[in-house]
């Protein structure tokens, strides 16, 4: 199996940073999203969802979703 390229590796659903260490997975709007920290989960819930709506997850890049 080949190593993942940078654009294939997990990114935070809130800040977009490359998640290289501990990935925090949370379910939002029926999808499992990856976050880099608890702070990003709070910011996502308190700022991004109220500003852009719950369907905001449909516009996110595929690298923020947890692989099953």
PDB file of N, CA and C in Angstrom:
ATOM      1  N   UNK A   1       0.846  -1.184   0.000  1.00  0.00           N
ATOM      2  CA  UNK A   1       0.000   0.000   0.000  1.00  0.00           C
ATOM      3  C   UNK A   1       0.890   1.246   0.000  1.00  0.00           C
ATOM      4  N   UNK A   2       0.585   2.179  -0.851  1.00  0.00           N
ATOM      5  CA  UNK A   2       1.390   3.388  -0.966  1.00  0.00           C
ATOM      6  C   UNK A   2       1.002   4.402   0.110  1.00  0.00           C
ATOM      7  N   UNK A   3       1.934   5.245   0.536  1.00  0.00           N
ATOM      8  CA  UNK A   3       1.605   6.288   1.502  1.00  0.00           C
ATOM      9  C   UNK A   3       0.685   7.328   0.874  1.00  0.00           C
ATOM     10  N   UNK A   4      -0.141   7.951   1.700  1.00  0.00           N
ATOM     11  CA  UNK A   4      -1.070   8.969   1.214  1.00  0.00           C
ATOM     12  C   UNK A   4      -0.335  10.268   0.894  1.00  0.00           C
ATOM     13  N   UNK A   5      -0.779  10.922  -0.153  1.00  0.00           N
ATOM     14  CA  UNK A   5      -0.254  12.239  -0.491  1.00  0.00           C
ATOM     15  C   UNK A   5      -0.857  13.260   0.480  1.00  0.00           C
ATOM     16  N   UNK A   6      -0.285  14.457   0.533  1.00  0.00           N
ATOM     17  CA  UNK A   6      -0.766  15.487   1.460  1.00  0.00           C
ATOM     18  C   UNK A   6      -2.227  15.821   1.207  1.00  0.00           C
ATOM     19  N   UNK A   7      -2.645  15.903  -0.044  1.00  0.00           N
ATOM     20  CA  UNK A   7      -4.024  16.249  -0.357  1.00  0.00           C
ATOM     21  C   UNK A   7      -4.992  15.102  -0.081  1.00  0.00           C
ATOM     22  N   UNK A   8      -4.495  13.912   0.245  1.00  0.00           N
ATOM     23  CA  UNK A   8      -5.340  12.770   0.582  1.00  0.00           C
ATOM     24  C   UNK A   8      -5.429  12.541   2.086  1.00  0.00           C
ATOM     25  N   UNK A   9      -4.552  13.157   2.842  1.00  0.00           N
ATOM     26  CA  UNK A   9      -4.515  12.969   4.299  1.00  0.00           C
ATOM     27  C   UNK A   9      -5.633  13.755   4.956  1.00  0.00           C
ATOM     28  N   UNK A  10      -5.981  13.367   6.194  1.00  0.00           N
ATOM     29  CA  UNK A  10      -7.104  14.031   6.872  1.00  0.00           C
ATOM     30  C   UNK A  10      -6.827  15.494   7.189  1.00  0.00           C
ATOM     31  N   UNK A  11      -7.851  16.302   6.970  1.00  0.00           N
ATOM     32  CA  UNK A  11      -7.815  17.722   7.299  1.00  0.00           C
ATOM     33  C   UNK A  11      -8.946  18.030   8.271  1.00  0.00           C
ATOM     34  N   UNK A  12      -8.768  19.077   9.068  1.00  0.00           N
ATOM     35  CA  UNK A  12      -9.776  19.489  10.040  1.00  0.00           C
ATOM     36  C   UNK A  12     -10.975  20.101   9.315  1.00  0.00           C
ATOM     37  N   UNK A  13     -12.178  19.722   9.733  1.00  0.00           N
ATOM     38  CA  UNK A  13     -13.398  20.230   9.110  1.00  0.00           C
ATOM     39  C   UNK A  13     -13.653  21.694   9.454  1.00  0.00           C
ATOM     40  N   UNK A  14     -13.000  22.201  10.501  1.00  0.00           N
ATOM     41  CA  UNK A  14     -13.207  23.583  10.905  1.00  0.00           C
ATOM     42  C   UNK A  14     -12.128  24.509  10.343  1.00  0.00           C
ATOM     43  N   UNK A  15     -10.876  24.237  10.672  1.00  0.00           N
ATOM     44  CA  UNK A  15      -9.801  25.159  10.289  1.00  0.00           C
ATOM     45  C   UNK A  15      -9.083  24.746   9.010  1.00  0.00           C
ATOM     46  N   UNK A  16      -9.255  23.513   8.575  1.00  0.00           N
ATOM     47  CA  UNK A  16      -8.656  23.059   7.339  1.00  0.00           C
ATOM     48  C   UNK A  16      -7.212  22.609   7.434  1.00  0.00           C
ATOM     49  N   UNK A  17      -6.640  22.649   8.636  1.00  0.00           N
ATOM     50  CA  UNK A  17      -5.254  22.235   8.800  1.00  0.00           C
ATOM     51  C   UNK A  17      -5.111  20.731   8.605  1.00  0.00           C
ATOM     52  N   UNK A  18      -3.938  20.337   8.172  1.00  0.00           N
ATOM     53  CA  UNK A  18      -3.601  18.932   8.043  1.00  0.00           C
ATOM     54  C   UNK A  18      -3.530  18.333   9.443  1.00  0.00           C
ATOM     55  N   UNK A  19      -4.264  17.257   9.671  1.00  0.00           N
ATOM     56  CA  UNK A  19      -4.279  16.599  10.976  1.00  0.00           C
ATOM     57  C   UNK A  19      -3.251  15.478  10.923  1.00  0.00           C
ATOM     58  N   UNK A  20      -2.159  15.666  11.635  1.00  0.00           N
ATOM     59  CA  UNK A  20      -1.075  14.695  11.568  1.00  0.00           C
ATOM     60  C   UNK A  20      -0.962  13.819  12.805  1.00  0.00           C
ATOM     61  N   UNK A  21      -1.576  14.213  13.889  1.00  0.00           N
ATOM     62  CA  UNK A  21      -1.411  13.462  15.121  1.00  0.00           C
ATOM     63  C   UNK A  21      -2.739  12.842  15.536  1.00  0.00           C
ATOM     64  N   UNK A  22      -3.411  13.390  16.492  1.00  0.00           N
ATOM     65  CA  UNK A  22      -4.659  12.832  17.005  1.00  0.00           C
ATOM     66  C   UNK A  22      -5.843  13.432  16.259  1.00  0.00           C
ATOM     67  N   UNK A  23      -6.654  12.583  15.693  1.00  0.00           N
ATOM     68  CA  UNK A  23      -7.846  13.019  14.972  1.00  0.00           C
ATOM     69  C   UNK A  23      -9.046  12.828  15.877  1.00  0.00           C
ATOM     70  N   UNK A  24      -9.838  13.870  16.043  1.00  0.00           N
ATOM     71  CA  UNK A  24     -11.073  13.787  16.821  1.00  0.00           C
ATOM     72  C   UNK A  24     -12.215  13.643  15.830  1.00  0.00           C
ATOM     73  N   UNK A  25     -12.955  12.533  15.903  1.00  0.00           N
ATOM     74  CA  UNK A  25     -14.051  12.271  14.976  1.00  0.00           C
ATOM     75  C   UNK A  25     -15.379  12.542  15.666  1.00  0.00           C
ATOM     76  N   UNK A  26     -16.208  13.351  15.034  1.00  0.00           N
ATOM     77  CA  UNK A  26     -17.526  13.712  15.555  1.00  0.00           C
ATOM     78  C   UNK A  26     -18.565  13.552  14.451  1.00  0.00           C
ATOM     79  N   UNK A  27     -19.755  13.108  14.820  1.00  0.00           N
ATOM     80  CA  UNK A  27     -20.851  12.965  13.854  1.00  0.00           C
ATOM     81  C   UNK A  27     -21.634  14.273  13.791  1.00  0.00           C
ATOM     82  N   UNK A  28     -21.780  14.804  12.591  1.00  0.00           N
ATOM     83  CA  UNK A  28     -22.548  16.021  12.352  1.00  0.00           C
ATOM     84  C   UNK A  28     -23.363  15.845  11.079  1.00  0.00           C
ATOM     85  N   UNK A  29     -24.665  16.092  11.168  1.00  0.00           N
ATOM     86  CA  UNK A  29     -25.558  16.044  10.008  1.00  0.00           C
ATOM     87  C   UNK A  29     -25.452  14.710   9.257  1.00  0.00           C
ATOM     88  N   UNK A  30     -25.337  13.635  10.023  1.00  0.00           N
ATOM     89  CA  UNK A  30     -25.283  12.307   9.431  1.00  0.00           C
ATOM     90  C   UNK A  30     -23.956  11.905   8.845  1.00  0.00           C
ATOM     91  N   UNK A  31     -22.914  12.706   9.017  1.00  0.00           N
ATOM     92  CA  UNK A  31     -21.575  12.403   8.477  1.00  0.00           C
ATOM     93  C   UNK A  31     -20.554  12.440   9.606  1.00  0.00           C
ATOM     94  N   UNK A  32     -19.522  11.647   9.515  1.00  0.00           N
ATOM     95  CA  UNK A  32     -18.447  11.648  10.499  1.00  0.00           C
ATOM     96  C   UNK A  32     -17.358  12.610  10.031  1.00  0.00           C
ATOM     97  N   UNK A  33     -17.196  13.699  10.791  1.00  0.00           N
ATOM     98  CA  UNK A  33     -16.210  14.722  10.458  1.00  0.00           C
ATOM     99  C   UNK A  33     -14.979  14.586  11.341  1.00  0.00           C
ATOM    100  N   UNK A  34     -13.823  14.965  10.807  1.00  0.00           N
ATOM    101  CA  UNK A  34     -12.570  14.928  11.542  1.00  0.00           C
ATOM    102  C   UNK A  34     -12.182  16.338  11.953  1.00  0.00           C
ATOM    103  N   UNK A  35     -11.734  16.476  13.208  1.00  0.00           N
ATOM    104  CA  UNK A  35     -11.299  17.760  13.744  1.00  0.00           C
ATOM    105  C   UNK A  35      -9.918  17.595  14.363  1.00  0.00           C
ATOM    106  N   UNK A  36      -9.167  18.682  14.426  1.00  0.00           N
ATOM    107  CA  UNK A  36      -7.824  18.615  15.004  1.00  0.00           C
ATOM    108  C   UNK A  36      -7.834  18.808  16.511  1.00  0.00           C
ATOM    109  N   UNK A  37      -8.899  19.399  17.071  1.00  0.00           N
ATOM    110  CA  UNK A  37      -8.955  19.637  18.513  1.00  0.00           C
ATOM    111  C   UNK A  37     -10.400  19.843  18.965  1.00  0.00           C
ATOM    112  N   UNK A  38     -10.577  19.824  20.289  1.00  0.00           N
ATOM    113  CA  UNK A  38     -11.893  20.110  20.858  1.00  0.00           C
ATOM    114  C   UNK A  38     -12.303  21.561  20.579  1.00  0.00           C
ATOM    115  N   UNK A  39     -11.331  22.445  20.528  1.00  0.00           N
ATOM    116  CA  UNK A  39     -11.619  23.853  20.234  1.00  0.00           C
ATOM    117  C   UNK A  39     -12.237  23.999  18.851  1.00  0.00           C
ATOM    118  N   UNK A  40     -11.714  23.270  17.867  1.00  0.00           N
ATOM    119  CA  UNK A  40     -12.278  23.355  16.517  1.00  0.00           C
ATOM    120  C   UNK A  40     -13.699  22.788  16.467  1.00  0.00           C
ATOM    121  N   UNK A  41     -13.991  21.792  17.289  1.00  0.00           N
ATOM    122  CA  UNK A  41     -15.360  21.263  17.364  1.00  0.00           C
ATOM    123  C   UNK A  41     -16.289  22.347  17.891  1.00  0.00           C
ATOM    124  N   UNK A  42     -15.860  23.060  18.938  1.00  0.00           N
ATOM    125  CA  UNK A  42     -16.678  24.140  19.507  1.00  0.00           C
ATOM    126  C   UNK A  42     -16.878  25.279  18.503  1.00  0.00           C
ATOM    127  N   UNK A  43     -15.829  25.667  17.819  1.00  0.00           N
ATOM    128  CA  UNK A  43     -15.935  26.748  16.825  1.00  0.00           C
ATOM    129  C   UNK A  43     -16.846  26.322  15.686  1.00  0.00           C
ATOM    130  N   UNK A  44     -16.717  25.085  15.239  1.00  0.00           N
ATOM    131  CA  UNK A  44     -17.577  24.575  14.168  1.00  0.00           C
ATOM    132  C   UNK A  44     -19.046  24.661  14.576  1.00  0.00           C
ATOM    133  N   UNK A  45     -19.357  24.184  15.791  1.00  0.00           N
ATOM    134  CA  UNK A  45     -20.745  24.185  16.262  1.00  0.00           C
ATOM    135  C   UNK A  45     -21.279  25.573  16.583  1.00  0.00           C
ATOM    136  N   UNK A  46     -20.427  26.453  17.113  1.00  0.00           N
ATOM    137  CA  UNK A  46     -20.914  27.764  17.540  1.00  0.00           C
ATOM    138  C   UNK A  46     -20.831  28.840  16.465  1.00  0.00           C
ATOM    139  N   UNK A  47     -19.978  28.667  15.459  1.00  0.00           N
ATOM    140  CA  UNK A  47     -19.810  29.708  14.445  1.00  0.00           C
ATOM    141  C   UNK A  47     -20.165  29.262  13.030  1.00  0.00           C
ATOM    142  N   UNK A  48     -19.571  28.179  12.579  1.00  0.00           N
ATOM    143  CA  UNK A  48     -19.773  27.771  11.186  1.00  0.00           C
ATOM    144  C   UNK A  48     -21.186  27.276  10.900  1.00  0.00           C
ATOM    145  N   UNK A  49     -21.713  26.426  11.772  1.00  0.00           N
ATOM    146  CA  UNK A  49     -23.057  25.895  11.528  1.00  0.00           C
ATOM    147  C   UNK A  49     -24.115  27.004  11.585  1.00  0.00           C
ATOM    148  N   UNK A  50     -24.089  27.898  12.602  1.00  0.00           N
ATOM    149  CA  UNK A  50     -25.085  28.993  12.583  1.00  0.00           C
ATOM    150  C   UNK A  50     -24.920  29.928  11.379  1.00  0.00           C
ATOM    151  N   UNK A  51     -23.703  30.154  10.943  1.00  0.00           N
ATOM    152  CA  UNK A  51     -23.474  31.079   9.828  1.00  0.00           C
ATOM    153  C   UNK A  51     -23.834  30.480   8.476  1.00  0.00           C
ATOM    154  N   UNK A  52     -23.508  29.202   8.275  1.00  0.00           N
ATOM    155  CA  UNK A  52     -23.681  28.587   6.955  1.00  0.00           C
ATOM    156  C   UNK A  52     -24.753  27.509   6.898  1.00  0.00           C
ATOM    157  N   UNK A  53     -25.307  27.126   8.032  1.00  0.00           N
ATOM    158  CA  UNK A  53     -26.358  26.120   8.061  1.00  0.00           C
ATOM    159  C   UNK A  53     -25.806  24.705   8.183  1.00  0.00           C
ATOM    160  N   UNK A  54     -26.677  23.788   8.543  1.00  0.00           N
ATOM    161  CA  UNK A  54     -26.275  22.395   8.759  1.00  0.00           C
ATOM    162  C   UNK A  54     -25.834  21.720   7.459  1.00  0.00           C
ATOM    163  N   UNK A  55     -26.324  22.191   6.330  1.00  0.00           N
ATOM    164  CA  UNK A  55     -25.934  21.604   5.044  1.00  0.00           C
ATOM    165  C   UNK A  55     -24.540  22.036   4.598  1.00  0.00           C
ATOM    166  N   UNK A  56     -23.858  22.791   5.428  1.00  0.00           N
ATOM    167  CA  UNK A  56     -22.492  23.215   5.161  1.00  0.00           C
ATOM    168  C   UNK A  56     -21.575  22.006   4.929  1.00  0.00           C
ATOM    169  N   UNK A  57     -21.877  20.869   5.567  1.00  0.00           N
ATOM    170  CA  UNK A  57     -21.025  19.677   5.411  1.00  0.00           C
ATOM    171  C   UNK A  57     -21.009  19.177   3.965  1.00  0.00           C
ATOM    172  N   UNK A  58     -22.031  19.479   3.199  1.00  0.00           N
ATOM    173  CA  UNK A  58     -22.082  19.022   1.815  1.00  0.00           C
ATOM    174  C   UNK A  58     -21.059  19.724   0.931  1.00  0.00           C
ATOM    175  N   UNK A  59     -20.581  20.887   1.358  1.00  0.00           N
ATOM    176  CA  UNK A  59     -19.620  21.644   0.567  1.00  0.00           C
ATOM    177  C   UNK A  59     -18.173  21.411   0.990  1.00  0.00           C
ATOM    178  N   UNK A  60     -17.954  20.577   1.996  1.00  0.00           N
ATOM    179  CA  UNK A  60     -16.598  20.328   2.493  1.00  0.00           C
ATOM    180  C   UNK A  60     -15.842  19.347   1.616  1.00  0.00           C
ATOM    181  N   UNK A  61     -14.530  19.455   1.647  1.00  0.00           N
ATOM    182  CA  UNK A  61     -13.660  18.556   0.894  1.00  0.00           C
ATOM    183  C   UNK A  61     -13.725  17.150   1.477  1.00  0.00           C
ATOM    184  N   UNK A  62     -13.479  16.157   0.657  1.00  0.00           N
ATOM    185  CA  UNK A  62     -13.602  14.764   1.100  1.00  0.00           C
ATOM    186  C   UNK A  62     -12.583  14.383   2.163  1.00  0.00           C
ATOM    187  N   UNK A  63     -11.515  15.156   2.320  1.00  0.00           N
ATOM    188  CA  UNK A  63     -10.480  14.817   3.304  1.00  0.00           C
ATOM    189  C   UNK A  63     -10.901  15.100   4.742  1.00  0.00           C
ATOM    190  N   UNK A  64     -12.009  15.778   4.961  1.00  0.00           N
ATOM    191  CA  UNK A  64     -12.476  16.041   6.331  1.00  0.00           C
ATOM    192  C   UNK A  64     -13.398  14.949   6.848  1.00  0.00           C
ATOM    193  N   UNK A  65     -13.794  14.027   6.000  1.00  0.00           N
ATOM    194  CA  UNK A  65     -14.687  12.948   6.416  1.00  0.00           C
ATOM    195  C   UNK A  65     -13.884  11.727   6.839  1.00  0.00           C
ATOM    196  N   UNK A  66     -14.321  11.100   7.919  1.00  0.00           N
ATOM    197  CA  UNK A  66     -13.626   9.903   8.433  1.00  0.00           C
ATOM    198  C   UNK A  66     -13.874   8.725   7.507  1.00  0.00           C
ATOM    199  N   UNK A  67     -12.817   7.976   7.285  1.00  0.00           N
ATOM    200  CA  UNK A  67     -12.934   6.769   6.474  1.00  0.00           C
ATOM    201  C   UNK A  67     -13.436   5.643   7.353  1.00  0.00           C
ATOM    202  N   UNK A  68     -14.370   4.893   6.834  1.00  0.00           N
ATOM    203  CA  UNK A  68     -14.913   3.761   7.614  1.00  0.00           C
ATOM    204  C   UNK A  68     -14.163   2.491   7.343  1.00  0.00           C
TER     205      UNK A  68
END
